[in-house]
């Protein structure tokens, strides 16, 4: 059975589901590409194709974790800077605490 992948005007084939998973893991297949499932005889978005769905969820989880880390750093640094101003010390402490929570969430969520 031959799988087909379509991106825009380009169309290419893949010999097996294993190769399809490998290509998705390498990033050669994108979430928005179309994949023809030879068993179902149907075109699906790659992100909705059961054989490779997990490849995209791992990448998405990594992106979300990376955003959390960036936010954690931004809040943490802002908190430290604001803590140096006597009248803004409570706000600085709060921002630092938020940054710390976001950073911990990053380490929990990262793949």
PDB file of N, CA and C in Angstrom:
ATOM      1  N   UNK A   1       0.849  -1.182   0.000  1.00  0.00           N
ATOM      2  CA  UNK A   1       0.000   0.000   0.000  1.00  0.00           C
ATOM      3  C   UNK A   1       0.887   1.236   0.000  1.00  0.00           C
ATOM      4  N   UNK A   2       0.506   2.179  -0.792  1.00  0.00           N
ATOM      5  CA  UNK A   2       1.314   3.372  -0.972  1.00  0.00           C
ATOM      6  C   UNK A   2       0.625   4.596  -0.372  1.00  0.00           C
ATOM      7  N   UNK A   3       1.324   5.262   0.521  1.00  0.00           N
ATOM      8  CA  UNK A   3       0.840   6.501   1.116  1.00  0.00           C
ATOM      9  C   UNK A   3       1.238   7.656   0.216  1.00  0.00           C
ATOM     10  N   UNK A   4       0.418   8.691   0.161  1.00  0.00           N
ATOM     11  CA  UNK A   4       0.734   9.873  -0.633  1.00  0.00           C
ATOM     12  C   UNK A   4       0.711  11.084   0.288  1.00  0.00           C
ATOM     13  N   UNK A   5       1.594  12.015   0.023  1.00  0.00           N
ATOM     14  CA  UNK A   5       1.661  13.254   0.784  1.00  0.00           C
ATOM     15  C   UNK A   5       1.541  14.390  -0.211  1.00  0.00           C
ATOM     16  N   UNK A   6       0.698  15.370   0.125  1.00  0.00           N
ATOM     17  CA  UNK A   6       0.483  16.507  -0.768  1.00  0.00           C
ATOM     18  C   UNK A   6       0.717  17.795   0.013  1.00  0.00           C
ATOM     19  N   UNK A   7       1.583  18.645  -0.547  1.00  0.00           N
ATOM     20  CA  UNK A   7       1.841  19.970   0.019  1.00  0.00           C
ATOM     21  C   UNK A   7       1.751  20.961  -1.132  1.00  0.00           C
ATOM     22  N   UNK A   8       0.707  21.759  -1.115  1.00  0.00           N
ATOM     23  CA  UNK A   8       0.501  22.692  -2.222  1.00  0.00           C
ATOM     24  C   UNK A   8       0.327  21.937  -3.523  1.00  0.00           C
ATOM     25  N   UNK A   9       1.164  22.268  -4.517  1.00  0.00           N
ATOM     26  CA  UNK A   9       1.105  21.598  -5.822  1.00  0.00           C
ATOM     27  C   UNK A   9       1.977  20.350  -5.873  1.00  0.00           C
ATOM     28  N   UNK A  10       2.794  20.137  -4.845  1.00  0.00           N
ATOM     29  CA  UNK A  10       3.697  18.993  -4.837  1.00  0.00           C
ATOM     30  C   UNK A  10       3.005  17.766  -4.249  1.00  0.00           C
ATOM     31  N   UNK A  11       3.295  16.631  -4.843  1.00  0.00           N
ATOM     32  CA  UNK A  11       2.772  15.367  -4.324  1.00  0.00           C
ATOM     33  C   UNK A  11       3.878  14.330  -4.416  1.00  0.00           C
ATOM     34  N   UNK A  12       4.092  13.600  -3.331  1.00  0.00           N
ATOM     35  CA  UNK A  12       5.087  12.542  -3.349  1.00  0.00           C
ATOM     36  C   UNK A  12       4.547  11.335  -2.622  1.00  0.00           C
ATOM     37  N   UNK A  13       5.174  10.186  -2.850  1.00  0.00           N
ATOM     38  CA  UNK A  13       4.673   8.937  -2.290  1.00  0.00           C
ATOM     39  C   UNK A  13       5.622   8.378  -1.243  1.00  0.00           C
ATOM     40  N   UNK A  14       5.054   7.496  -0.448  1.00  0.00           N
ATOM     41  CA  UNK A  14       5.784   6.861   0.649  1.00  0.00           C
ATOM     42  C   UNK A  14       5.354   5.401   0.671  1.00  0.00           C
ATOM     43  N   UNK A  15       6.305   4.503   0.806  1.00  0.00           N
ATOM     44  CA  UNK A  15       6.014   3.085   0.689  1.00  0.00           C
ATOM     45  C   UNK A  15       5.353   2.428   1.882  1.00  0.00           C
ATOM     46  N   UNK A  16       5.578   2.971   3.090  1.00  0.00           N
ATOM     47  CA  UNK A  16       5.031   2.282   4.262  1.00  0.00           C
ATOM     48  C   UNK A  16       4.693   3.278   5.374  1.00  0.00           C
ATOM     49  N   UNK A  17       3.917   2.785   6.331  1.00  0.00           N
ATOM     50  CA  UNK A  17       3.565   3.611   7.484  1.00  0.00           C
ATOM     51  C   UNK A  17       4.799   3.906   8.333  1.00  0.00           C
ATOM     52  N   UNK A  18       5.754   2.989   8.372  1.00  0.00           N
ATOM     53  CA  UNK A  18       6.994   3.221   9.118  1.00  0.00           C
ATOM     54  C   UNK A  18       7.778   4.398   8.537  1.00  0.00           C
ATOM     55  N   UNK A  19       7.882   4.414   7.222  1.00  0.00           N
ATOM     56  CA  UNK A  19       8.569   5.529   6.557  1.00  0.00           C
ATOM     57  C   UNK A  19       7.806   6.823   6.783  1.00  0.00           C
ATOM     58  N   UNK A  20       6.496   6.747   6.741  1.00  0.00           N
ATOM     59  CA  UNK A  20       5.662   7.916   6.989  1.00  0.00           C
ATOM     60  C   UNK A  20       5.953   8.482   8.383  1.00  0.00           C
ATOM     61  N   UNK A  21       6.016   7.613   9.396  1.00  0.00           N
ATOM     62  CA  UNK A  21       6.330   8.045  10.765  1.00  0.00           C
ATOM     63  C   UNK A  21       7.735   8.653  10.844  1.00  0.00           C
ATOM     64  N   UNK A  22       8.667   8.031  10.149  1.00  0.00           N
ATOM     65  CA  UNK A  22      10.039   8.536  10.148  1.00  0.00           C
ATOM     66  C   UNK A  22      10.088   9.941   9.552  1.00  0.00           C
ATOM     67  N   UNK A  23       9.430  10.128   8.417  1.00  0.00           N
ATOM     68  CA  UNK A  23       9.421  11.435   7.764  1.00  0.00           C
ATOM     69  C   UNK A  23       8.752  12.490   8.639  1.00  0.00           C
ATOM     70  N   UNK A  24       7.674  12.115   9.291  1.00  0.00           N
ATOM     71  CA  UNK A  24       6.984  13.066  10.172  1.00  0.00           C
ATOM     72  C   UNK A  24       7.891  13.439  11.349  1.00  0.00           C
ATOM     73  N   UNK A  25       8.598  12.457  11.891  1.00  0.00           N
ATOM     74  CA  UNK A  25       9.519  12.715  12.993  1.00  0.00           C
ATOM     75  C   UNK A  25      10.670  13.614  12.588  1.00  0.00           C
ATOM     76  N   UNK A  26      11.101  13.503  11.349  1.00  0.00           N
ATOM     77  CA  UNK A  26      12.202  14.322  10.829  1.00  0.00           C
ATOM     78  C   UNK A  26      11.731  15.722  10.424  1.00  0.00           C
ATOM     79  N   UNK A  27      10.410  15.934  10.376  1.00  0.00           N
ATOM     80  CA  UNK A  27       9.883  17.230   9.966  1.00  0.00           C
ATOM     81  C   UNK A  27       9.670  17.365   8.470  1.00  0.00           C
ATOM     82  N   UNK A  28       9.826  16.273   7.734  1.00  0.00           N
ATOM     83  CA  UNK A  28       9.615  16.313   6.287  1.00  0.00           C
ATOM     84  C   UNK A  28       8.139  16.394   5.946  1.00  0.00           C
ATOM     85  N   UNK A  29       7.279  16.002   6.879  1.00  0.00           N
ATOM     86  CA  UNK A  29       5.831  16.124   6.714  1.00  0.00           C
ATOM     87  C   UNK A  29       5.357  17.130   7.762  1.00  0.00           C
ATOM     88  N   UNK A  30       4.595  18.113   7.317  1.00  0.00           N
ATOM     89  CA  UNK A  30       4.092  19.162   8.205  1.00  0.00           C
ATOM     90  C   UNK A  30       2.650  18.861   8.617  1.00  0.00           C
ATOM     91  N   UNK A  31       2.223  19.466   9.723  1.00  0.00           N
ATOM     92  CA  UNK A  31       0.861  19.251  10.249  1.00  0.00           C
ATOM     93  C   UNK A  31      -0.219  19.532   9.209  1.00  0.00           C
ATOM     94  N   UNK A  32       0.004  20.558   8.387  1.00  0.00           N
ATOM     95  CA  UNK A  32      -1.030  21.003   7.434  1.00  0.00           C
ATOM     96  C   UNK A  32      -0.966  20.283   6.091  1.00  0.00           C
ATOM     97  N   UNK A  33       0.019  19.411   5.907  1.00  0.00           N
ATOM     98  CA  UNK A  33       0.094  18.635   4.670  1.00  0.00           C
ATOM     99  C   UNK A  33      -1.080  17.656   4.620  1.00  0.00           C
ATOM    100  N   UNK A  34      -1.421  17.253   3.404  1.00  0.00           N
ATOM    101  CA  UNK A  34      -2.448  16.229   3.234  1.00  0.00           C
ATOM    102  C   UNK A  34      -1.768  14.869   3.091  1.00  0.00           C
ATOM    103  N   UNK A  35      -2.367  13.871   3.692  1.00  0.00           N
ATOM    104  CA  UNK A  35      -1.853  12.508   3.594  1.00  0.00           C
ATOM    105  C   UNK A  35      -2.987  11.616   3.098  1.00  0.00           C
ATOM    106  N   UNK A  36      -2.688  10.837   2.055  1.00  0.00           N
ATOM    107  CA  UNK A  36      -3.679   9.893   1.550  1.00  0.00           C
ATOM    108  C   UNK A  36      -3.470   8.564   2.258  1.00  0.00           C
ATOM    109  N   UNK A  37      -4.481   8.142   3.005  1.00  0.00           N
ATOM    110  CA  UNK A  37      -4.437   6.877   3.716  1.00  0.00           C
ATOM    111  C   UNK A  37      -4.948   5.789   2.776  1.00  0.00           C
ATOM    112  N   UNK A  38      -4.090   4.845   2.372  1.00  0.00           N
ATOM    113  CA  UNK A  38      -4.508   3.831   1.398  1.00  0.00           C
ATOM    114  C   UNK A  38      -5.521   2.830   1.949  1.00  0.00           C
ATOM    115  N   UNK A  39      -5.554   2.655   3.260  1.00  0.00           N
ATOM    116  CA  UNK A  39      -6.526   1.730   3.856  1.00  0.00           C
ATOM    117  C   UNK A  39      -7.917   2.358   3.825  1.00  0.00           C
ATOM    118  N   UNK A  40      -7.991   3.620   4.237  1.00  0.00           N
ATOM    119  CA  UNK A  40      -9.276   4.326   4.264  1.00  0.00           C
ATOM    120  C   UNK A  40      -9.659   4.888   2.898  1.00  0.00           C
ATOM    121  N   UNK A  41      -8.654   4.945   1.993  1.00  0.00           N
ATOM    122  CA  UNK A  41      -8.831   5.563   0.673  1.00  0.00           C
ATOM    123  C   UNK A  41      -9.393   6.972   0.816  1.00  0.00           C
ATOM    124  N   UNK A  42      -8.681   7.752   1.644  1.00  0.00           N
ATOM    125  CA  UNK A  42      -9.170   9.080   1.974  1.00  0.00           C
ATOM    126  C   UNK A  42      -7.993  10.017   2.249  1.00  0.00           C
ATOM    127  N   UNK A  43      -8.131  11.301   1.824  1.00  0.00           N
ATOM    128  CA  UNK A  43      -7.139  12.328   2.137  1.00  0.00           C
ATOM    129  C   UNK A  43      -7.471  12.921   3.510  1.00  0.00           C
ATOM    130  N   UNK A  44      -6.452  13.076   4.341  1.00  0.00           N
ATOM    131  CA  UNK A  44      -6.593  13.674   5.674  1.00  0.00           C
ATOM    132  C   UNK A  44      -5.465  14.669   5.883  1.00  0.00           C
ATOM    133  N   UNK A  45      -5.690  15.610   6.800  1.00  0.00           N
ATOM    134  CA  UNK A  45      -4.567  16.428   7.235  1.00  0.00           C
ATOM    135  C   UNK A  45      -3.587  15.511   7.955  1.00  0.00           C
ATOM    136  N   UNK A  46      -2.316  15.802   7.842  1.00  0.00           N
ATOM    137  CA  UNK A  46      -1.302  14.985   8.514  1.00  0.00           C
ATOM    138  C   UNK A  46      -1.560  14.947  10.017  1.00  0.00           C
ATOM    139  N   UNK A  47      -1.973  16.074  10.586  1.00  0.00           N
ATOM    140  CA  UNK A  47      -2.221  16.130  12.032  1.00  0.00           C
ATOM    141  C   UNK A  47      -3.385  15.236  12.457  1.00  0.00           C
ATOM    142  N   UNK A  48      -4.247  14.854  11.514  1.00  0.00           N
ATOM    143  CA  UNK A  48      -5.394  13.997  11.813  1.00  0.00           C
ATOM    144  C   UNK A  48      -5.170  12.540  11.403  1.00  0.00           C
ATOM    145  N   UNK A  49      -3.981  12.227  10.892  1.00  0.00           N
ATOM    146  CA  UNK A  49      -3.649  10.880  10.465  1.00  0.00           C
ATOM    147  C   UNK A  49      -3.139  10.097  11.665  1.00  0.00           C
ATOM    148  N   UNK A  50      -3.846   9.065  12.061  1.00  0.00           N
ATOM    149  CA  UNK A  50      -3.546   8.326  13.297  1.00  0.00           C
ATOM    150  C   UNK A  50      -2.109   7.818  13.344  1.00  0.00           C
ATOM    151  N   UNK A  51      -1.566   7.401  12.224  1.00  0.00           N
ATOM    152  CA  UNK A  51      -0.226   6.811  12.190  1.00  0.00           C
ATOM    153  C   UNK A  51       0.873   7.802  12.572  1.00  0.00           C
ATOM    154  N   UNK A  52       0.631   9.101  12.365  1.00  0.00           N
ATOM    155  CA  UNK A  52       1.685  10.093  12.644  1.00  0.00           C
ATOM    156  C   UNK A  52       1.246  11.206  13.587  1.00  0.00           C
ATOM    157  N   UNK A  53       0.057  11.103  14.126  1.00  0.00           N
ATOM    158  CA  UNK A  53      -0.478  12.138  15.013  1.00  0.00           C
ATOM    159  C   UNK A  53       0.453  12.435  16.182  1.00  0.00           C
ATOM    160  N   UNK A  54       1.023  11.413  16.779  1.00  0.00           N
ATOM    161  CA  UNK A  54       1.854  11.611  17.967  1.00  0.00           C
ATOM    162  C   UNK A  54       3.112  12.417  17.648  1.00  0.00           C
ATOM    163  N   UNK A  55       3.605  12.352  16.427  1.00  0.00           N
ATOM    164  CA  UNK A  55       4.794  13.133  16.051  1.00  0.00           C
ATOM    165  C   UNK A  55       4.527  14.621  16.186  1.00  0.00           C
ATOM    166  N   UNK A  56       3.326  15.033  15.843  1.00  0.00           N
ATOM    167  CA  UNK A  56       2.995  16.452  15.894  1.00  0.00           C
ATOM    168  C   UNK A  56       2.669  16.901  17.313  1.00  0.00           C
ATOM    169  N   UNK A  57       2.060  16.045  18.109  1.00  0.00           N
ATOM    170  CA  UNK A  57       1.738  16.439  19.484  1.00  0.00           C
ATOM    171  C   UNK A  57       3.009  16.623  20.306  1.00  0.00           C
ATOM    172  N   UNK A  58       4.066  15.841  20.034  1.00  0.00           N
ATOM    173  CA  UNK A  58       5.334  16.002  20.740  1.00  0.00           C
ATOM    174  C   UNK A  58       5.954  17.357  20.422  1.00  0.00           C
ATOM    175  N   UNK A  59       5.916  17.726  19.148  1.00  0.00           N
ATOM    176  CA  UNK A  59       6.496  19.006  18.739  1.00  0.00           C
ATOM    177  C   UNK A  59       5.713  20.168  19.354  1.00  0.00           C
ATOM    178  N   UNK A  60       4.397  20.051  19.376  1.00  0.00           N
ATOM    179  CA  UNK A  60       3.559  21.106  19.946  1.00  0.00           C
ATOM    180  C   UNK A  60       3.814  21.248  21.445  1.00  0.00           C
ATOM    181  N   UNK A  61       3.963  20.133  22.144  1.00  0.00           N
ATOM    182  CA  UNK A  61       4.262  20.170  23.572  1.00  0.00           C
ATOM    183  C   UNK A  61       5.598  20.851  23.809  1.00  0.00           C
ATOM    184  N   UNK A  62       6.577  20.576  22.973  1.00  0.00           N
ATOM    185  CA  UNK A  62       7.891  21.208  23.110  1.00  0.00           C
ATOM    186  C   UNK A  62       7.801  22.713  22.889  1.00  0.00           C
ATOM    187  N   UNK A  63       6.996  23.146  21.905  1.00  0.00           N
ATOM    188  CA  UNK A  63       6.822  24.581  21.656  1.00  0.00           C
ATOM    189  C   UNK A  63       6.167  25.266  22.847  1.00  0.00           C
ATOM    190  N   UNK A  64       5.126  24.641  23.396  1.00  0.00           N
ATOM    191  CA  UNK A  64       4.444  25.219  24.557  1.00  0.00           C
ATOM    192  C   UNK A  64       5.384  25.309  25.750  1.00  0.00           C
ATOM    193  N   UNK A  65       6.173  24.284  25.962  1.00  0.00           N
ATOM    194  CA  UNK A  65       7.125  24.291  27.074  1.00  0.00           C
ATOM    195  C   UNK A  65       8.143  25.405  26.887  1.00  0.00           C
ATOM    196  N   UNK A  66       8.592  25.608  25.672  1.00  0.00           N
ATOM    197  CA  UNK A  66       9.565  26.658  25.388  1.00  0.00           C
ATOM    198  C   UNK A  66       8.970  28.039  25.679  1.00  0.00           C
ATOM    199  N   UNK A  67       7.708  28.237  25.328  1.00  0.00           N
ATOM    200  CA  UNK A  67       7.046  29.514  25.633  1.00  0.00           C
ATOM    201  C   UNK A  67       6.967  29.749  27.137  1.00  0.00           C
ATOM    202  N   UNK A  68       6.664  28.695  27.888  1.00  0.00           N
ATOM    203  CA  UNK A  68       6.609  28.814  29.345  1.00  0.00           C
ATOM    204  C   UNK A  68       7.961  29.235  29.909  1.00  0.00           C
ATOM    205  N   UNK A  69       9.022  28.670  29.379  1.00  0.00           N
ATOM    206  CA  UNK A  69      10.353  29.006  29.857  1.00  0.00           C
ATOM    207  C   UNK A  69      10.662  30.479  29.586  1.00  0.00           C
ATOM    208  N   UNK A  70      10.336  30.945  28.396  1.00  0.00           N
ATOM    209  CA  UNK A  70      10.563  32.356  28.052  1.00  0.00           C
ATOM    210  C   UNK A  70       9.777  33.293  28.955  1.00  0.00           C
ATOM    211  N   UNK A  71       8.525  32.965  29.186  1.00  0.00           N
ATOM    212  CA  UNK A  71       7.709  33.794  30.082  1.00  0.00           C
ATOM    213  C   UNK A  71       8.249  33.771  31.509  1.00  0.00           C
ATOM    214  N   UNK A  72       8.660  32.596  31.952  1.00  0.00           N
ATOM    215  CA  UNK A  72       9.211  32.469  33.296  1.00  0.00           C
ATOM    216  C   UNK A  72      10.436  33.350  33.482  1.00  0.00           C
ATOM    217  N   UNK A  73      11.316  33.343  32.490  1.00  0.00           N
ATOM    218  CA  UNK A  73      12.506  34.178  32.565  1.00  0.00           C
ATOM    219  C   UNK A  73      12.147  35.660  32.567  1.00  0.00           C
ATOM    220  N   UNK A  74      11.217  36.048  31.703  1.00  0.00           N
ATOM    221  CA  UNK A  74      10.815  37.459  31.622  1.00  0.00           C
ATOM    222  C   UNK A  74      10.209  37.940  32.946  1.00  0.00           C
ATOM    223  N   UNK A  75       9.302  37.155  33.504  1.00  0.00           N
ATOM    224  CA  UNK A  75       8.696  37.537  34.783  1.00  0.00           C
ATOM    225  C   UNK A  75       9.737  37.560  35.900  1.00  0.00           C
ATOM    226  N   UNK A  76      10.596  36.552  35.916  1.00  0.00           N
ATOM    227  CA  UNK A  76      11.604  36.467  36.966  1.00  0.00           C
ATOM    228  C   UNK A  76      12.565  37.639  36.951  1.00  0.00           C
ATOM    229  N   UNK A  77      13.070  37.986  35.784  1.00  0.00           N
ATOM    230  CA  UNK A  77      14.002  39.119  35.672  1.00  0.00           C
ATOM    231  C   UNK A  77      13.298  40.424  36.017  1.00  0.00           C
ATOM    232  N   UNK A  78      12.067  40.594  35.534  1.00  0.00           N
ATOM    233  CA  UNK A  78      11.298  41.803  35.874  1.00  0.00           C
ATOM    234  C   UNK A  78      11.095  41.908  37.371  1.00  0.00           C
ATOM    235  N   UNK A  79      10.801  40.775  37.995  1.00  0.00           N
ATOM    236  CA  UNK A  79      10.606  40.765  39.441  1.00  0.00           C
ATOM    237  C   UNK A  79      11.849  41.173  40.195  1.00  0.00           C
ATOM    238  N   UNK A  80      13.003  40.675  39.756  1.00  0.00           N
ATOM    239  CA  UNK A  80      14.260  41.032  40.415  1.00  0.00           C
ATOM    240  C   UNK A  80      14.538  42.525  40.261  1.00  0.00           C
ATOM    241  N   UNK A  81      14.349  43.052  39.061  1.00  0.00           N
ATOM    242  CA  UNK A  81      14.603  44.475  38.813  1.00  0.00           C
ATOM    243  C   UNK A  81      13.657  45.337  39.650  1.00  0.00           C
ATOM    244  N   UNK A  82      12.371  45.010  39.660  1.00  0.00           N
ATOM    245  CA  UNK A  82      11.410  45.814  40.427  1.00  0.00           C
ATOM    246  C   UNK A  82      11.645  45.707  41.935  1.00  0.00           C
ATOM    247  N   UNK A  83      12.194  44.601  42.382  1.00  0.00           N
ATOM    248  CA  UNK A  83      12.475  44.441  43.811  1.00  0.00           C
ATOM    249  C   UNK A  83      13.563  45.391  44.292  1.00  0.00           C
ATOM    250  N   UNK A  84      14.323  45.944  43.379  1.00  0.00           N
ATOM    251  CA  UNK A  84      15.386  46.886  43.745  1.00  0.00           C
ATOM    252  C   UNK A  84      14.845  48.277  44.038  1.00  0.00           C
ATOM    253  N   UNK A  85      13.604  48.527  43.631  1.00  0.00           N
ATOM    254  CA  UNK A  85      12.962  49.821  43.905  1.00  0.00           C
ATOM    255  C   UNK A  85      12.124  49.649  45.168  1.00  0.00           C
ATOM    256  N   UNK A  86      12.451  50.400  46.238  1.00  0.00           N
ATOM    257  CA  UNK A  86      11.783  50.166  47.526  1.00  0.00           C
ATOM    258  C   UNK A  86      10.255  50.148  47.466  1.00  0.00           C
ATOM    259  N   UNK A  87       9.628  51.057  46.747  1.00  0.00           N
ATOM    260  CA  UNK A  87       8.161  51.115  46.731  1.00  0.00           C
ATOM    261  C   UNK A  87       7.542  50.000  45.882  1.00  0.00           C
ATOM    262  N   UNK A  88       8.344  49.392  45.038  1.00  0.00           N
ATOM    263  CA  UNK A  88       7.815  48.350  44.140  1.00  0.00           C
ATOM    264  C   UNK A  88       8.239  46.947  44.561  1.00  0.00           C
ATOM    265  N   UNK A  89       8.831  46.830  45.756  1.00  0.00           N
ATOM    266  CA  UNK A  89       9.308  45.533  46.221  1.00  0.00           C
ATOM    267  C   UNK A  89       8.220  44.454  46.239  1.00  0.00           C
ATOM    268  N   UNK A  90       6.998  44.744  46.730  1.00  0.00           N
ATOM    269  CA  UNK A  90       5.958  43.697  46.730  1.00  0.00           C
ATOM    270  C   UNK A  90       5.584  43.238  45.314  1.00  0.00           C
ATOM    271  N   UNK A  91       5.499  44.187  44.392  1.00  0.00           N
ATOM    272  CA  UNK A  91       5.178  43.833  43.007  1.00  0.00           C
ATOM    273  C   UNK A  91       6.310  43.008  42.396  1.00  0.00           C
ATOM    274  N   UNK A  92       7.547  43.394  42.686  1.00  0.00           N
ATOM    275  CA  UNK A  92       8.692  42.642  42.198  1.00  0.00           C
ATOM    276  C   UNK A  92       8.698  41.215  42.721  1.00  0.00           C
ATOM    277  N   UNK A  93       8.357  41.052  44.001  1.00  0.00           N
ATOM    278  CA  UNK A  93       8.289  39.720  44.584  1.00  0.00           C
ATOM    279  C   UNK A  93       7.218  38.867  43.930  1.00  0.00           C
ATOM    280  N   UNK A  94       6.075  39.491  43.642  1.00  0.00           N
ATOM    281  CA  UNK A  94       4.978  38.774  42.986  1.00  0.00           C
ATOM    282  C   UNK A  94       5.387  38.330  41.581  1.00  0.00           C
ATOM    283  N   UNK A  95       6.000  39.248  40.822  1.00  0.00           N
ATOM    284  CA  UNK A  95       6.438  38.897  39.462  1.00  0.00           C
ATOM    285  C   UNK A  95       7.495  37.796  39.496  1.00  0.00           C
ATOM    286  N   UNK A  96       8.405  37.874  40.460  1.00  0.00           N
ATOM    287  CA  UNK A  96       9.420  36.838  40.586  1.00  0.00           C
ATOM    288  C   UNK A  96       8.770  35.484  40.885  1.00  0.00           C
ATOM    289  N   UNK A  97       7.776  35.489  41.769  1.00  0.00           N
ATOM    290  CA  UNK A  97       7.071  34.244  42.107  1.00  0.00           C
ATOM    291  C   UNK A  97       6.359  33.661  40.884  1.00  0.00           C
ATOM    292  N   UNK A  98       5.729  34.521  40.107  1.00  0.00           N
ATOM    293  CA  UNK A  98       5.061  34.060  38.873  1.00  0.00           C
ATOM    294  C   UNK A  98       6.100  33.450  37.924  1.00  0.00           C
ATOM    295  N   UNK A  99       7.246  34.115  37.784  1.00  0.00           N
ATOM    296  CA  UNK A  99       8.310  33.596  36.936  1.00  0.00           C
ATOM    297  C   UNK A  99       8.808  32.241  37.409  1.00  0.00           C
ATOM    298  N   UNK A 100       8.911  32.086  38.718  1.00  0.00           N
ATOM    299  CA  UNK A 100       9.357  30.817  39.281  1.00  0.00           C
ATOM    300  C   UNK A 100       8.356  29.702  38.984  1.00  0.00           C
ATOM    301  N   UNK A 101       7.073  29.992  39.136  1.00  0.00           N
ATOM    302  CA  UNK A 101       6.029  28.995  38.851  1.00  0.00           C
ATOM    303  C   UNK A 101       6.049  28.602  37.371  1.00  0.00           C
ATOM    304  N   UNK A 102       6.186  29.577  36.483  1.00  0.00           N
ATOM    305  CA  UNK A 102       6.224  29.281  35.051  1.00  0.00           C
ATOM    306  C   UNK A 102       7.456  28.450  34.685  1.00  0.00           C
ATOM    307  N   UNK A 103       8.578  28.731  35.319  1.00  0.00           N
ATOM    308  CA  UNK A 103       9.797  27.970  35.054  1.00  0.00           C
ATOM    309  C   UNK A 103       9.652  26.525  35.538  1.00  0.00           C
ATOM    310  N   UNK A 104       9.047  26.335  36.692  1.00  0.00           N
ATOM    311  CA  UNK A 104       8.805  24.973  37.187  1.00  0.00           C
ATOM    312  C   UNK A 104       7.850  24.246  36.239  1.00  0.00           C
ATOM    313  N   UNK A 105       6.827  24.951  35.760  1.00  0.00           N
ATOM    314  CA  UNK A 105       5.880  24.335  34.817  1.00  0.00           C
ATOM    315  C   UNK A 105       6.598  23.922  33.537  1.00  0.00           C
ATOM    316  N   UNK A 106       7.572  24.724  33.104  1.00  0.00           N
ATOM    317  CA  UNK A 106       8.365  24.369  31.928  1.00  0.00           C
ATOM    318  C   UNK A 106       9.067  23.034  32.139  1.00  0.00           C
ATOM    319  N   UNK A 107       9.727  22.875  33.277  1.00  0.00           N
ATOM    320  CA  UNK A 107      10.471  21.634  33.522  1.00  0.00           C
ATOM    321  C   UNK A 107       9.553  20.420  33.680  1.00  0.00           C
ATOM    322  N   UNK A 108       8.339  20.662  34.118  1.00  0.00           N
ATOM    323  CA  UNK A 108       7.382  19.563  34.227  1.00  0.00           C
ATOM    324  C   UNK A 108       6.837  19.182  32.853  1.00  0.00           C
ATOM    325  N   UNK A 109       6.598  20.186  32.005  1.00  0.00           N
ATOM    326  CA  UNK A 109       5.926  19.952  30.734  1.00  0.00           C
ATOM    327  C   UNK A 109       6.869  19.590  29.585  1.00  0.00           C
ATOM    328  N   UNK A 110       8.140  19.920  29.687  1.00  0.00           N
ATOM    329  CA  UNK A 110       9.036  19.673  28.560  1.00  0.00           C
ATOM    330  C   UNK A 110       9.107  18.178  28.231  1.00  0.00           C
ATOM    331  N   UNK A 111       9.292  17.890  26.943  1.00  0.00           N
ATOM    332  CA  UNK A 111       9.321  16.484  26.537  1.00  0.00           C
ATOM    333  C   UNK A 111      10.611  15.785  26.934  1.00  0.00           C
TER     334      UNK A 111
END
